[in-house]
Amino acid sequence: QVQLVESGGGLVQAGGSLRLSCVASGRIFSMNAMGWYRQVPGKEREWVAKIGHGGTTKYADSVKGRFIISRDNAKNTVYLQMNSLKPDDTAVYYCAADDSYYYFEGDYWGQGTQVTVSS
């Protein structure tokens, strides 16, 4: 089992920044990738970004150039730095871990953290 705990969500004005954190515990050595999804009520969960154990990253087109994903393996923590936020970024953000980087669909999930961007 892997446990994921997110933090860092909140309310921010458009154009502002937030940094989300996700601390992992448990059998994390089996996870080759971690990342973030987001979900708006009434819509499907949307993949945002992922990072491999060695640091390889990939982003959804909607956040490319604005969001940066990183990880601190010593702290078992993944970060999502969100810059130039837009009202469309408003969602619950979920941290996910998967044993596959290329088929990253989330074997384990955090509880979610709300991000609200006001116009």
PDB file of N, CA and C in Angstrom:
ATOM      1  N   GLN A   1       0.825  -1.195   0.000  1.00  0.00           N
ATOM      2  CA  GLN A   1       0.000   0.000   0.000  1.00  0.00           C
ATOM      3  C   GLN A   1       0.861   1.248   0.000  1.00  0.00           C
ATOM      4  N   VAL A   2       0.332   2.289  -0.627  1.00  0.00           N
ATOM      5  CA  VAL A   2       0.988   3.594  -0.660  1.00  0.00           C
ATOM      6  C   VAL A   2      -0.019   4.624  -0.177  1.00  0.00           C
ATOM      7  N   GLN A   3       0.426   5.490   0.703  1.00  0.00           N
ATOM      8  CA  GLN A   3      -0.430   6.566   1.200  1.00  0.00           C
ATOM      9  C   GLN A   3       0.099   7.896   0.660  1.00  0.00           C
ATOM     10  N   LEU A   4      -0.832   8.723   0.217  1.00  0.00           N
ATOM     11  CA  LEU A   4      -0.478  10.026  -0.346  1.00  0.00           C
ATOM     12  C   LEU A   4      -1.272  11.106   0.360  1.00  0.00           C
ATOM     13  N   VAL A   5      -0.586  12.156   0.777  1.00  0.00           N
ATOM     14  CA  VAL A   5      -1.248  13.257   1.472  1.00  0.00           C
ATOM     15  C   VAL A   5      -0.871  14.566   0.797  1.00  0.00           C
ATOM     16  N   GLU A   6      -1.875  15.254   0.256  1.00  0.00           N
ATOM     17  CA  GLU A   6      -1.642  16.528  -0.430  1.00  0.00           C
ATOM     18  C   GLU A   6      -1.832  17.697   0.535  1.00  0.00           C
ATOM     19  N   SER A   7      -1.203  18.801   0.166  1.00  0.00           N
ATOM     20  CA  SER A   7      -1.414  20.063   0.878  1.00  0.00           C
ATOM     21  C   SER A   7      -1.060  21.201  -0.063  1.00  0.00           C
ATOM     22  N   GLY A   8      -1.466  22.409   0.338  1.00  0.00           N
ATOM     23  CA  GLY A   8      -1.064  23.595  -0.421  1.00  0.00           C
ATOM     24  C   GLY A   8      -2.140  24.247  -1.254  1.00  0.00           C
ATOM     25  N   GLY A   9      -3.322  23.655  -1.300  1.00  0.00           N
ATOM     26  CA  GLY A   9      -4.389  24.282  -2.057  1.00  0.00           C
ATOM     27  C   GLY A   9      -4.887  25.550  -1.381  1.00  0.00           C
ATOM     28  N   GLY A  10      -5.757  26.263  -2.089  1.00  0.00           N
ATOM     29  CA  GLY A  10      -6.310  27.482  -1.511  1.00  0.00           C
ATOM     30  C   GLY A  10      -6.949  28.358  -2.564  1.00  0.00           C
ATOM     31  N   LEU A  11      -7.181  29.601  -2.179  1.00  0.00           N
ATOM     32  CA  LEU A  11      -7.803  30.593  -3.050  1.00  0.00           C
ATOM     33  C   LEU A  11      -6.745  31.585  -3.510  1.00  0.00           C
ATOM     34  N   VAL A  12      -6.698  31.832  -4.806  1.00  0.00           N
ATOM     35  CA  VAL A  12      -5.712  32.764  -5.355  1.00  0.00           C
ATOM     36  C   VAL A  12      -6.350  33.523  -6.508  1.00  0.00           C
ATOM     37  N   GLN A  13      -5.883  34.720  -6.737  1.00  0.00           N
ATOM     38  CA  GLN A  13      -6.386  35.508  -7.858  1.00  0.00           C
ATOM     39  C   GLN A  13      -5.748  35.050  -9.169  1.00  0.00           C
ATOM     40  N   ALA A  14      -6.432  35.281 -10.256  1.00  0.00           N
ATOM     41  CA  ALA A  14      -5.889  34.955 -11.570  1.00  0.00           C
ATOM     42  C   ALA A  14      -4.537  35.640 -11.752  1.00  0.00           C
ATOM     43  N   GLY A  15      -3.604  34.891 -12.306  1.00  0.00           N
ATOM     44  CA  GLY A  15      -2.246  35.393 -12.479  1.00  0.00           C
ATOM     45  C   GLY A  15      -1.316  35.056 -11.334  1.00  0.00           C
ATOM     46  N   GLY A  16      -1.890  34.581 -10.239  1.00  0.00           N
ATOM     47  CA  GLY A  16      -1.085  34.247  -9.068  1.00  0.00           C
ATOM     48  C   GLY A  16      -0.499  32.858  -9.146  1.00  0.00           C
ATOM     49  N   SER A  17       0.124  32.455  -8.042  1.00  0.00           N
ATOM     50  CA  SER A  17       0.812  31.168  -7.975  1.00  0.00           C
ATOM     51  C   SER A  17       0.427  30.413  -6.707  1.00  0.00           C
ATOM     52  N   LEU A  18       0.529  29.101  -6.796  1.00  0.00           N
ATOM     53  CA  LEU A  18       0.374  28.209  -5.647  1.00  0.00           C
ATOM     54  C   LEU A  18       1.335  27.043  -5.830  1.00  0.00           C
ATOM     55  N   ARG A  19       1.745  26.454  -4.722  1.00  0.00           N
ATOM     56  CA  ARG A  19       2.549  25.239  -4.788  1.00  0.00           C
ATOM     57  C   ARG A  19       1.871  24.143  -3.991  1.00  0.00           C
ATOM     58  N   LEU A  20       1.574  23.053  -4.666  1.00  0.00           N
ATOM     59  CA  LEU A  20       1.005  21.885  -4.020  1.00  0.00           C
ATOM     60  C   LEU A  20       2.127  20.915  -3.638  1.00  0.00           C
ATOM     61  N   SER A  21       1.920  20.237  -2.527  1.00  0.00           N
ATOM     62  CA  SER A  21       2.864  19.211  -2.075  1.00  0.00           C
ATOM     63  C   SER A  21       2.131  17.900  -1.883  1.00  0.00           C
ATOM     64  N   CYS A  22       2.836  16.811  -2.087  1.00  0.00           N
ATOM     65  CA  CYS A  22       2.271  15.480  -1.886  1.00  0.00           C
ATOM     66  C   CYS A  22       3.337  14.609  -1.229  1.00  0.00           C
ATOM     67  N   VAL A  23       3.062  14.198  -0.005  1.00  0.00           N
ATOM     68  CA  VAL A  23       3.993  13.353   0.729  1.00  0.00           C
ATOM     69  C   VAL A  23       3.540  11.906   0.619  1.00  0.00           C
ATOM     70  N   ALA A  24       4.456  11.033   0.209  1.00  0.00           N
ATOM     71  CA  ALA A  24       4.143   9.623   0.027  1.00  0.00           C
ATOM     72  C   ALA A  24       4.750   8.787   1.150  1.00  0.00           C
ATOM     73  N   SER A  25       4.052   7.734   1.520  1.00  0.00           N
ATOM     74  CA  SER A  25       4.566   6.800   2.512  1.00  0.00           C
ATOM     75  C   SER A  25       4.092   5.398   2.141  1.00  0.00           C
ATOM     76  N   GLY A  26       4.716   4.406   2.762  1.00  0.00           N
ATOM     77  CA  GLY A  26       4.349   3.025   2.459  1.00  0.00           C
ATOM     78  C   GLY A  26       5.295   2.414   1.441  1.00  0.00           C
ATOM     79  N   ARG A  27       4.796   1.593   0.550  1.00  0.00           N
ATOM     80  CA  ARG A  27       5.612   0.852  -0.414  1.00  0.00           C
ATOM     81  C   ARG A  27       5.963   1.725  -1.619  1.00  0.00           C
ATOM     82  N   ILE A  28       6.542   2.859  -1.345  1.00  0.00           N
ATOM     83  CA  ILE A  28       6.804   3.820  -2.409  1.00  0.00           C
ATOM     84  C   ILE A  28       7.911   3.365  -3.339  1.00  0.00           C
ATOM     85  N   PHE A  29       8.739   2.415  -2.917  1.00  0.00           N
ATOM     86  CA  PHE A  29       9.826   1.959  -3.768  1.00  0.00           C
ATOM     87  C   PHE A  29       9.300   1.277  -5.027  1.00  0.00           C
ATOM     88  N   SER A  30       8.044   0.814  -4.979  1.00  0.00           N
ATOM     89  CA  SER A  30       7.447   0.130  -6.134  1.00  0.00           C
ATOM     90  C   SER A  30       6.815   1.096  -7.130  1.00  0.00           C
ATOM     91  N   MET A  31       6.791   2.383  -6.776  1.00  0.00           N
ATOM     92  CA  MET A  31       6.149   3.372  -7.644  1.00  0.00           C
ATOM     93  C   MET A  31       7.189   4.018  -8.555  1.00  0.00           C
ATOM     94  N   ASN A  32       6.995   3.870  -9.859  1.00  0.00           N
ATOM     95  CA  ASN A  32       7.926   4.458 -10.807  1.00  0.00           C
ATOM     96  C   ASN A  32       7.561   5.882 -11.192  1.00  0.00           C
ATOM     97  N   ALA A  33       6.339   6.283 -10.894  1.00  0.00           N
ATOM     98  CA  ALA A  33       5.926   7.629 -11.294  1.00  0.00           C
ATOM     99  C   ALA A  33       4.939   8.193 -10.290  1.00  0.00           C
ATOM    100  N   MET A  34       4.993   9.505 -10.154  1.00  0.00           N
ATOM    101  CA  MET A  34       4.009  10.231  -9.369  1.00  0.00           C
ATOM    102  C   MET A  34       3.539  11.408 -10.188  1.00  0.00           C
ATOM    103  N   GLY A  35       2.379  11.911  -9.834  1.00  0.00           N
ATOM    104  CA  GLY A  35       1.883  13.034 -10.622  1.00  0.00           C
ATOM    105  C   GLY A  35       0.612  13.602 -10.047  1.00  0.00           C
ATOM    106  N   TRP A  36      -0.030  14.399 -10.879  1.00  0.00           N
ATOM    107  CA  TRP A  36      -1.223  15.117 -10.449  1.00  0.00           C
ATOM    108  C   TRP A  36      -2.331  15.017 -11.488  1.00  0.00           C
ATOM    109  N   TYR A  37      -3.534  14.873 -10.964  1.00  0.00           N
ATOM    110  CA  TYR A  37      -4.756  14.976 -11.750  1.00  0.00           C
ATOM    111  C   TYR A  37      -5.591  16.084 -11.129  1.00  0.00           C
ATOM    112  N   ARG A  38      -6.601  16.527 -11.842  1.00  0.00           N
ATOM    113  CA  ARG A  38      -7.547  17.486 -11.285  1.00  0.00           C
ATOM    114  C   ARG A  38      -8.952  17.155 -11.776  1.00  0.00           C
ATOM    115  N   GLN A  39      -9.931  17.599 -10.989  1.00  0.00           N
ATOM    116  CA  GLN A  39     -11.312  17.293 -11.329  1.00  0.00           C
ATOM    117  C   GLN A  39     -12.233  18.428 -10.928  1.00  0.00           C
ATOM    118  N   VAL A  40     -13.095  18.773 -11.854  1.00  0.00           N
ATOM    119  CA  VAL A  40     -14.145  19.761 -11.630  1.00  0.00           C
ATOM    120  C   VAL A  40     -15.456  18.998 -11.486  1.00  0.00           C
ATOM    121  N   PRO A  41     -16.321  19.394 -10.580  1.00  0.00           N
ATOM    122  CA  PRO A  41     -17.605  18.684 -10.413  1.00  0.00           C
ATOM    123  C   PRO A  41     -18.339  18.522 -11.733  1.00  0.00           C
ATOM    124  N   GLY A  42     -18.788  17.297 -11.992  1.00  0.00           N
ATOM    125  CA  GLY A  42     -19.539  17.022 -13.206  1.00  0.00           C
ATOM    126  C   GLY A  42     -18.682  16.677 -14.405  1.00  0.00           C
ATOM    127  N   LYS A  43     -17.359  16.733 -14.222  1.00  0.00           N
ATOM    128  CA  LYS A  43     -16.449  16.404 -15.328  1.00  0.00           C
ATOM    129  C   LYS A  43     -15.533  15.261 -14.923  1.00  0.00           C
ATOM    130  N   GLU A  44     -14.931  14.616 -15.936  1.00  0.00           N
ATOM    131  CA  GLU A  44     -13.996  13.529 -15.665  1.00  0.00           C
ATOM    132  C   GLU A  44     -12.701  14.076 -15.083  1.00  0.00           C
ATOM    133  N   ARG A  45     -12.029  13.212 -14.343  1.00  0.00           N
ATOM    134  CA  ARG A  45     -10.733  13.587 -13.800  1.00  0.00           C
ATOM    135  C   ARG A  45      -9.748  13.785 -14.961  1.00  0.00           C
ATOM    136  N   GLU A  46      -8.966  14.843 -14.896  1.00  0.00           N
ATOM    137  CA  GLU A  46      -8.062  15.240 -15.981  1.00  0.00           C
ATOM    138  C   GLU A  46      -6.616  15.128 -15.508  1.00  0.00           C
ATOM    139  N   TRP A  47      -5.789  14.464 -16.307  1.00  0.00           N
ATOM    140  CA  TRP A  47      -4.381  14.354 -15.965  1.00  0.00           C
ATOM    141  C   TRP A  47      -3.699  15.702 -16.171  1.00  0.00           C
ATOM    142  N   VAL A  48      -2.789  16.082 -15.251  1.00  0.00           N
ATOM    143  CA  VAL A  48      -2.125  17.384 -15.295  1.00  0.00           C
ATOM    144  C   VAL A  48      -0.633  17.244 -15.592  1.00  0.00           C
ATOM    145  N   ALA A  49       0.046  16.413 -14.803  1.00  0.00           N
ATOM    146  CA  ALA A  49       1.499  16.284 -14.965  1.00  0.00           C
ATOM    147  C   ALA A  49       1.969  15.006 -14.296  1.00  0.00           C
ATOM    148  N   LYS A  50       3.138  14.507 -14.721  1.00  0.00           N
ATOM    149  CA  LYS A  50       3.720  13.330 -14.100  1.00  0.00           C
ATOM    150  C   LYS A  50       5.237  13.448 -14.099  1.00  0.00           C
ATOM    151  N   ILE A  51       5.852  12.714 -13.174  1.00  0.00           N
ATOM    152  CA  ILE A  51       7.304  12.718 -13.068  1.00  0.00           C
ATOM    153  C   ILE A  51       7.775  11.319 -12.741  1.00  0.00           C
ATOM    154  N   GLY A  52       8.809  10.871 -13.444  1.00  0.00           N
ATOM    155  CA  GLY A  52       9.364   9.560 -13.199  1.00  0.00           C
ATOM    156  C   GLY A  52      10.348   9.577 -12.054  1.00  0.00           C
ATOM    157  N   HIS A  53      10.768   8.402 -11.657  1.00  0.00           N
ATOM    158  CA  HIS A  53      11.682   8.298 -10.524  1.00  0.00           C
ATOM    159  C   HIS A  53      12.996   9.024 -10.803  1.00  0.00           C
ATOM    160  N   GLY A  54      13.420   9.023 -12.070  1.00  0.00           N
ATOM    161  CA  GLY A  54      14.661   9.699 -12.431  1.00  0.00           C
ATOM    162  C   GLY A  54      14.499  11.160 -12.774  1.00  0.00           C
ATOM    163  N   GLY A  55      13.268  11.651 -12.733  1.00  0.00           N
ATOM    164  CA  GLY A  55      13.049  13.071 -12.973  1.00  0.00           C
ATOM    165  C   GLY A  55      12.437  13.426 -14.314  1.00  0.00           C
ATOM    166  N   THR A  56      12.184  12.438 -15.161  1.00  0.00           N
ATOM    167  CA  THR A  56      11.532  12.725 -16.449  1.00  0.00           C
ATOM    168  C   THR A  56      10.136  13.262 -16.204  1.00  0.00           C
ATOM    169  N   THR A  57       9.781  14.323 -16.916  1.00  0.00           N
ATOM    170  CA  THR A  57       8.482  14.965 -16.697  1.00  0.00           C
ATOM    171  C   THR A  57       7.672  15.061 -17.988  1.00  0.00           C
ATOM    172  N   LYS A  58       6.364  15.185 -17.788  1.00  0.00           N
ATOM    173  CA  LYS A  58       5.470  15.420 -18.916  1.00  0.00           C
ATOM    174  C   LYS A  58       4.259  16.180 -18.402  1.00  0.00           C
ATOM    175  N   TYR A  59       3.720  17.071 -19.267  1.00  0.00           N
ATOM    176  CA  TYR A  59       2.632  17.943 -18.866  1.00  0.00           C
ATOM    177  C   TYR A  59       1.479  17.890 -19.860  1.00  0.00           C
ATOM    178  N   ALA A  60       0.281  18.111 -19.349  1.00  0.00           N
ATOM    179  CA  ALA A  60      -0.857  18.313 -20.224  1.00  0.00           C
ATOM    180  C   ALA A  60      -0.672  19.634 -20.967  1.00  0.00           C
ATOM    181  N   ASP A  61      -1.181  19.705 -22.178  1.00  0.00           N
ATOM    182  CA  ASP A  61      -1.025  20.926 -22.977  1.00  0.00           C
ATOM    183  C   ASP A  61      -1.615  22.139 -22.256  1.00  0.00           C
ATOM    184  N   SER A  62      -2.665  21.928 -21.493  1.00  0.00           N
ATOM    185  CA  SER A  62      -3.360  23.036 -20.840  1.00  0.00           C
ATOM    186  C   SER A  62      -2.524  23.719 -19.768  1.00  0.00           C
ATOM    187  N   VAL A  63      -1.495  23.048 -19.268  1.00  0.00           N
ATOM    188  CA  VAL A  63      -0.674  23.629 -18.188  1.00  0.00           C
ATOM    189  C   VAL A  63       0.785  23.795 -18.582  1.00  0.00           C
ATOM    190  N   LYS A  64       1.154  23.312 -19.761  1.00  0.00           N
ATOM    191  CA  LYS A  64       2.554  23.369 -20.195  1.00  0.00           C
ATOM    192  C   LYS A  64       3.040  24.814 -20.238  1.00  0.00           C
ATOM    193  N   GLY A  65       4.207  25.061 -19.653  1.00  0.00           N
ATOM    194  CA  GLY A  65       4.758  26.405 -19.602  1.00  0.00           C
ATOM    195  C   GLY A  65       4.324  27.206 -18.396  1.00  0.00           C
ATOM    196  N   ARG A  66       3.320  26.711 -17.663  1.00  0.00           N
ATOM    197  CA  ARG A  66       2.844  27.423 -16.461  1.00  0.00           C
ATOM    198  C   ARG A  66       3.082  26.613 -15.192  1.00  0.00           C
ATOM    199  N   PHE A  67       2.960  25.308 -15.276  1.00  0.00           N
ATOM    200  CA  PHE A  67       3.121  24.434 -14.110  1.00  0.00           C
ATOM    201  C   PHE A  67       4.465  23.709 -14.186  1.00  0.00           C
ATOM    202  N   ILE A  68       5.035  23.464 -13.018  1.00  0.00           N
ATOM    203  CA  ILE A  68       6.281  22.712 -12.943  1.00  0.00           C
ATOM    204  C   ILE A  68       6.137  21.625 -11.887  1.00  0.00           C
ATOM    205  N   ILE A  69       6.392  20.386 -12.290  1.00  0.00           N
ATOM    206  CA  ILE A  69       6.357  19.279 -11.339  1.00  0.00           C
ATOM    207  C   ILE A  69       7.791  18.915 -10.964  1.00  0.00           C
ATOM    208  N   SER A  70       7.993  18.606  -9.699  1.00  0.00           N
ATOM    209  CA  SER A  70       9.317  18.216  -9.239  1.00  0.00           C
ATOM    210  C   SER A  70       9.164  17.228  -8.085  1.00  0.00           C
ATOM    211  N   ARG A  71      10.261  16.592  -7.721  1.00  0.00           N
ATOM    212  CA  ARG A  71      10.198  15.638  -6.613  1.00  0.00           C
ATOM    213  C   ARG A  71      11.480  15.693  -5.803  1.00  0.00           C
ATOM    214  N   ASP A  72      11.323  15.427  -4.533  1.00  0.00           N
ATOM    215  CA  ASP A  72      12.450  15.310  -3.613  1.00  0.00           C
ATOM    216  C   ASP A  72      12.402  13.884  -3.085  1.00  0.00           C
ATOM    217  N   ASN A  73      13.221  13.006  -3.658  1.00  0.00           N
ATOM    218  CA  ASN A  73      13.167  11.598  -3.284  1.00  0.00           C
ATOM    219  C   ASN A  73      13.550  11.377  -1.825  1.00  0.00           C
ATOM    220  N   ALA A  74      14.424  12.221  -1.304  1.00  0.00           N
ATOM    221  CA  ALA A  74      14.838  12.069   0.096  1.00  0.00           C
ATOM    222  C   ALA A  74      13.678  12.342   1.044  1.00  0.00           C
ATOM    223  N   LYS A  75      12.760  13.198   0.607  1.00  0.00           N
ATOM    224  CA  LYS A  75      11.604  13.534   1.444  1.00  0.00           C
ATOM    225  C   LYS A  75      10.340  12.807   0.996  1.00  0.00           C
ATOM    226  N   ASN A  76      10.457  11.964  -0.037  1.00  0.00           N
ATOM    227  CA  ASN A  76       9.292  11.248  -0.585  1.00  0.00           C
ATOM    228  C   ASN A  76       8.156  12.223  -0.903  1.00  0.00           C
ATOM    229  N   THR A  77       8.513  13.326  -1.507  1.00  0.00           N
ATOM    230  CA  THR A  77       7.544  14.393  -1.752  1.00  0.00           C
ATOM    231  C   THR A  77       7.589  14.824  -3.207  1.00  0.00           C
ATOM    232  N   VAL A  78       6.414  15.060  -3.753  1.00  0.00           N
ATOM    233  CA  VAL A  78       6.263  15.605  -5.098  1.00  0.00           C
ATOM    234  C   VAL A  78       5.592  16.967  -4.982  1.00  0.00           C
ATOM    235  N   TYR A  79       6.041  17.897  -5.813  1.00  0.00           N
ATOM    236  CA  TYR A  79       5.514  19.246  -5.787  1.00  0.00           C
ATOM    237  C   TYR A  79       4.890  19.593  -7.141  1.00  0.00           C
ATOM    238  N   LEU A  80       3.930  20.480  -7.096  1.00  0.00           N
ATOM    239  CA  LEU A  80       3.387  21.062  -8.321  1.00  0.00           C
ATOM    240  C   LEU A  80       3.364  22.571  -8.141  1.00  0.00           C
ATOM    241  N   GLN A  81       4.309  23.241  -8.789  1.00  0.00           N
ATOM    242  CA  GLN A  81       4.351  24.695  -8.760  1.00  0.00           C
ATOM    243  C   GLN A  81       3.437  25.201  -9.868  1.00  0.00           C
ATOM    244  N   MET A  82       2.422  25.946  -9.484  1.00  0.00           N
ATOM    245  CA  MET A  82       1.431  26.436 -10.444  1.00  0.00           C
ATOM    246  C   MET A  82       1.557  27.946 -10.564  1.00  0.00           C
ATOM    247  N   ASN A  83       1.930  28.423 -11.734  1.00  0.00           N
ATOM    248  CA  ASN A  83       2.111  29.840 -11.990  1.00  0.00           C
ATOM    249  C   ASN A  83       1.107  30.325 -13.028  1.00  0.00           C
ATOM    250  N   SER A  84       0.941  31.634 -13.079  1.00  0.00           N
ATOM    251  CA  SER A  84       0.021  32.236 -14.063  1.00  0.00           C
ATOM    252  C   SER A  84      -1.334  31.525 -14.051  1.00  0.00           C
ATOM    253  N   LEU A  85      -1.859  31.356 -12.866  1.00  0.00           N
ATOM    254  CA  LEU A  85      -3.099  30.599 -12.720  1.00  0.00           C
ATOM    255  C   LEU A  85      -4.275  31.312 -13.378  1.00  0.00           C
ATOM    256  N   LYS A  86      -5.177  30.493 -13.912  1.00  0.00           N
ATOM    257  CA  LYS A  86      -6.367  30.975 -14.592  1.00  0.00           C
ATOM    258  C   LYS A  86      -7.604  30.437 -13.877  1.00  0.00           C
ATOM    259  N   PRO A  87      -8.744  31.106 -14.024  1.00  0.00           N
ATOM    260  CA  PRO A  87      -9.972  30.560 -13.421  1.00  0.00           C
ATOM    261  C   PRO A  87     -10.261  29.125 -13.873  1.00  0.00           C
ATOM    262  N   ASP A  88      -9.880  28.768 -15.095  1.00  0.00           N
ATOM    263  CA  ASP A  88     -10.092  27.409 -15.595  1.00  0.00           C
ATOM    264  C   ASP A  88      -9.252  26.369 -14.856  1.00  0.00           C
ATOM    265  N   ASP A  89      -8.270  26.817 -14.073  1.00  0.00           N
ATOM    266  CA  ASP A  89      -7.470  25.878 -13.282  1.00  0.00           C
ATOM    267  C   ASP A  89      -8.172  25.486 -11.986  1.00  0.00           C
ATOM    268  N   THR A  90      -9.295  26.129 -11.685  1.00  0.00           N
ATOM    269  CA  THR A  90     -10.050  25.805 -10.484  1.00  0.00           C
ATOM    270  C   THR A  90     -10.510  24.350 -10.528  1.00  0.00           C
ATOM    271  N   ALA A  91     -10.155  23.592  -9.497  1.00  0.00           N
ATOM    272  CA  ALA A  91     -10.488  22.164  -9.448  1.00  0.00           C
ATOM    273  C   ALA A  91      -9.996  21.595  -8.125  1.00  0.00           C
ATOM    274  N   VAL A  92     -10.384  20.366  -7.861  1.00  0.00           N
ATOM    275  CA  VAL A  92      -9.741  19.598  -6.801  1.00  0.00           C
ATOM    276  C   VAL A  92      -8.551  18.881  -7.436  1.00  0.00           C
ATOM    277  N   TYR A  93      -7.393  19.064  -6.853  1.00  0.00           N
ATOM    278  CA  TYR A  93      -6.165  18.468  -7.379  1.00  0.00           C
ATOM    279  C   TYR A  93      -5.817  17.226  -6.552  1.00  0.00           C
ATOM    280  N   TYR A  94      -5.575  16.134  -7.270  1.00  0.00           N
ATOM    281  CA  TYR A  94      -5.271  14.855  -6.639  1.00  0.00           C
ATOM    282  C   TYR A  94      -3.851  14.418  -6.978  1.00  0.00           C
ATOM    283  N   CYS A  95      -3.130  14.012  -5.978  1.00  0.00           N
ATOM    284  CA  CYS A  95      -1.826  13.385  -6.180  1.00  0.00           C
ATOM    285  C   CYS A  95      -2.048  11.915  -6.479  1.00  0.00           C
ATOM    286  N   ALA A  96      -1.241  11.365  -7.371  1.00  0.00           N
ATOM    287  CA  ALA A  96      -1.365   9.959  -7.744  1.00  0.00           C
ATOM    288  C   ALA A  96       0.006   9.318  -7.859  1.00  0.00           C
ATOM    289  N   ALA A  97       0.053   8.029  -7.610  1.00  0.00           N
ATOM    290  CA  ALA A  97       1.271   7.242  -7.771  1.00  0.00           C
ATOM    291  C   ALA A  97       0.954   6.008  -8.603  1.00  0.00           C
ATOM    292  N   ASP A  98       1.911   5.602  -9.426  1.00  0.00           N
ATOM    293  CA  ASP A  98       1.676   4.479 -10.338  1.00  0.00           C
ATOM    294  C   ASP A  98       2.979   3.718 -10.516  1.00  0.00           C
ATOM    295  N   ASP A  99       2.872   2.411 -10.755  1.00  0.00           N
ATOM    296  CA  ASP A  99       4.093   1.648 -10.997  1.00  0.00           C
ATOM    297  C   ASP A  99       4.556   1.797 -12.444  1.00  0.00           C
ATOM    298  N   SER A 100       3.784   2.483 -13.263  1.00  0.00           N
ATOM    299  CA  SER A 100       4.153   2.715 -14.653  1.00  0.00           C
ATOM    300  C   SER A 100       4.200   4.205 -14.941  1.00  0.00           C
ATOM    301  N   TYR A 101       5.299   4.643 -15.543  1.00  0.00           N
ATOM    302  CA  TYR A 101       5.379   6.039 -15.984  1.00  0.00           C
ATOM    303  C   TYR A 101       4.613   6.213 -17.293  1.00  0.00           C
ATOM    304  N   TYR A 102       4.762   5.296 -18.209  1.00  0.00           N
ATOM    305  CA  TYR A 102       4.167   5.467 -19.543  1.00  0.00           C
ATOM    306  C   TYR A 102       2.655   5.255 -19.533  1.00  0.00           C
ATOM    307  N   TYR A 103       2.166   4.400 -18.649  1.00  0.00           N
ATOM    308  CA  TYR A 103       0.724   4.183 -18.519  1.00  0.00           C
ATOM    309  C   TYR A 103       0.274   4.696 -17.162  1.00  0.00           C
ATOM    310  N   PHE A 104       0.489   5.979 -16.969  1.00  0.00           N
ATOM    311  CA  PHE A 104       0.245   6.601 -15.674  1.00  0.00           C
ATOM    312  C   PHE A 104      -1.237   6.852 -15.531  1.00  0.00           C
ATOM    313  N   GLU A 105      -1.921   6.045 -14.747  1.00  0.00           N
ATOM    314  CA  GLU A 105      -3.357   6.188 -14.541  1.00  0.00           C
ATOM    315  C   GLU A 105      -3.709   6.269 -13.064  1.00  0.00           C
ATOM    316  N   GLY A 106      -2.727   6.078 -12.189  1.00  0.00           N
ATOM    317  CA  GLY A 106      -2.963   6.209 -10.762  1.00  0.00           C
ATOM    318  C   GLY A 106      -3.369   4.904 -10.088  1.00  0.00           C
ATOM    319  N   ASP A 107      -2.388   4.233  -9.503  1.00  0.00           N
ATOM    320  CA  ASP A 107      -2.700   3.051  -8.696  1.00  0.00           C
ATOM    321  C   ASP A 107      -3.137   3.453  -7.290  1.00  0.00           C
ATOM    322  N   TYR A 108      -2.619   4.587  -6.854  1.00  0.00           N
ATOM    323  CA  TYR A 108      -2.940   5.115  -5.533  1.00  0.00           C
ATOM    324  C   TYR A 108      -3.237   6.603  -5.655  1.00  0.00           C
ATOM    325  N   TRP A 109      -4.127   7.073  -4.762  1.00  0.00           N
ATOM    326  CA  TRP A 109      -4.579   8.459  -4.821  1.00  0.00           C
ATOM    327  C   TRP A 109      -4.561   9.102  -3.455  1.00  0.00           C
ATOM    328  N   GLY A 110      -4.330  10.411  -3.463  1.00  0.00           N
ATOM    329  CA  GLY A 110      -4.505  11.187  -2.253  1.00  0.00           C
ATOM    330  C   GLY A 110      -5.958  11.596  -2.115  1.00  0.00           C
ATOM    331  N   GLN A 111      -6.236  12.351  -1.058  1.00  0.00           N
ATOM    332  CA  GLN A 111      -7.619  12.742  -0.761  1.00  0.00           C
ATOM    333  C   GLN A 111      -8.058  13.983  -1.544  1.00  0.00           C
ATOM    334  N   GLY A 112      -7.108  14.685  -2.135  1.00  0.00           N
ATOM    335  CA  GLY A 112      -7.431  15.867  -2.924  1.00  0.00           C
ATOM    336  C   GLY A 112      -7.293  17.158  -2.145  1.00  0.00           C
ATOM    337  N   THR A 113      -6.952  18.220  -2.864  1.00  0.00           N
ATOM    338  CA  THR A 113      -6.864  19.549  -2.261  1.00  0.00           C
ATOM    339  C   THR A 113      -7.493  20.543  -3.234  1.00  0.00           C
ATOM    340  N   GLN A 114      -8.311  21.440  -2.705  1.00  0.00           N
ATOM    341  CA  GLN A 114      -9.067  22.372  -3.536  1.00  0.00           C
ATOM    342  C   GLN A 114      -8.192  23.551  -3.943  1.00  0.00           C
ATOM    343  N   VAL A 115      -8.217  23.860  -5.230  1.00  0.00           N
ATOM    344  CA  VAL A 115      -7.575  25.070  -5.749  1.00  0.00           C
ATOM    345  C   VAL A 115      -8.668  25.905  -6.417  1.00  0.00           C
ATOM    346  N   THR A 116      -8.788  27.144  -5.964  1.00  0.00           N
ATOM    347  CA  THR A 116      -9.790  28.051  -6.523  1.00  0.00           C
ATOM    348  C   THR A 116      -9.086  29.306  -7.026  1.00  0.00           C
ATOM    349  N   VAL A 117      -9.303  29.619  -8.295  1.00  0.00           N
ATOM    350  CA  VAL A 117      -8.684  30.795  -8.903  1.00  0.00           C
ATOM    351  C   VAL A 117      -9.794  31.774  -9.244  1.00  0.00           C
ATOM    352  N   SER A 118      -9.746  32.934  -8.631  1.00  0.00           N
ATOM    353  CA  SER A 118     -10.772  33.947  -8.859  1.00  0.00           C
ATOM    354  C   SER A 118     -10.357  34.877  -9.993  1.00  0.00           C
ATOM    355  N   SER A 119     -11.348  35.369 -10.712  1.00  0.00           N
ATOM    356  CA  SER A 119     -11.060  36.261 -11.851  1.00  0.00           C
ATOM    357  C   SER A 119     -11.011  37.714 -11.418  1.00  0.00           C
TER     358      SER A 119
END
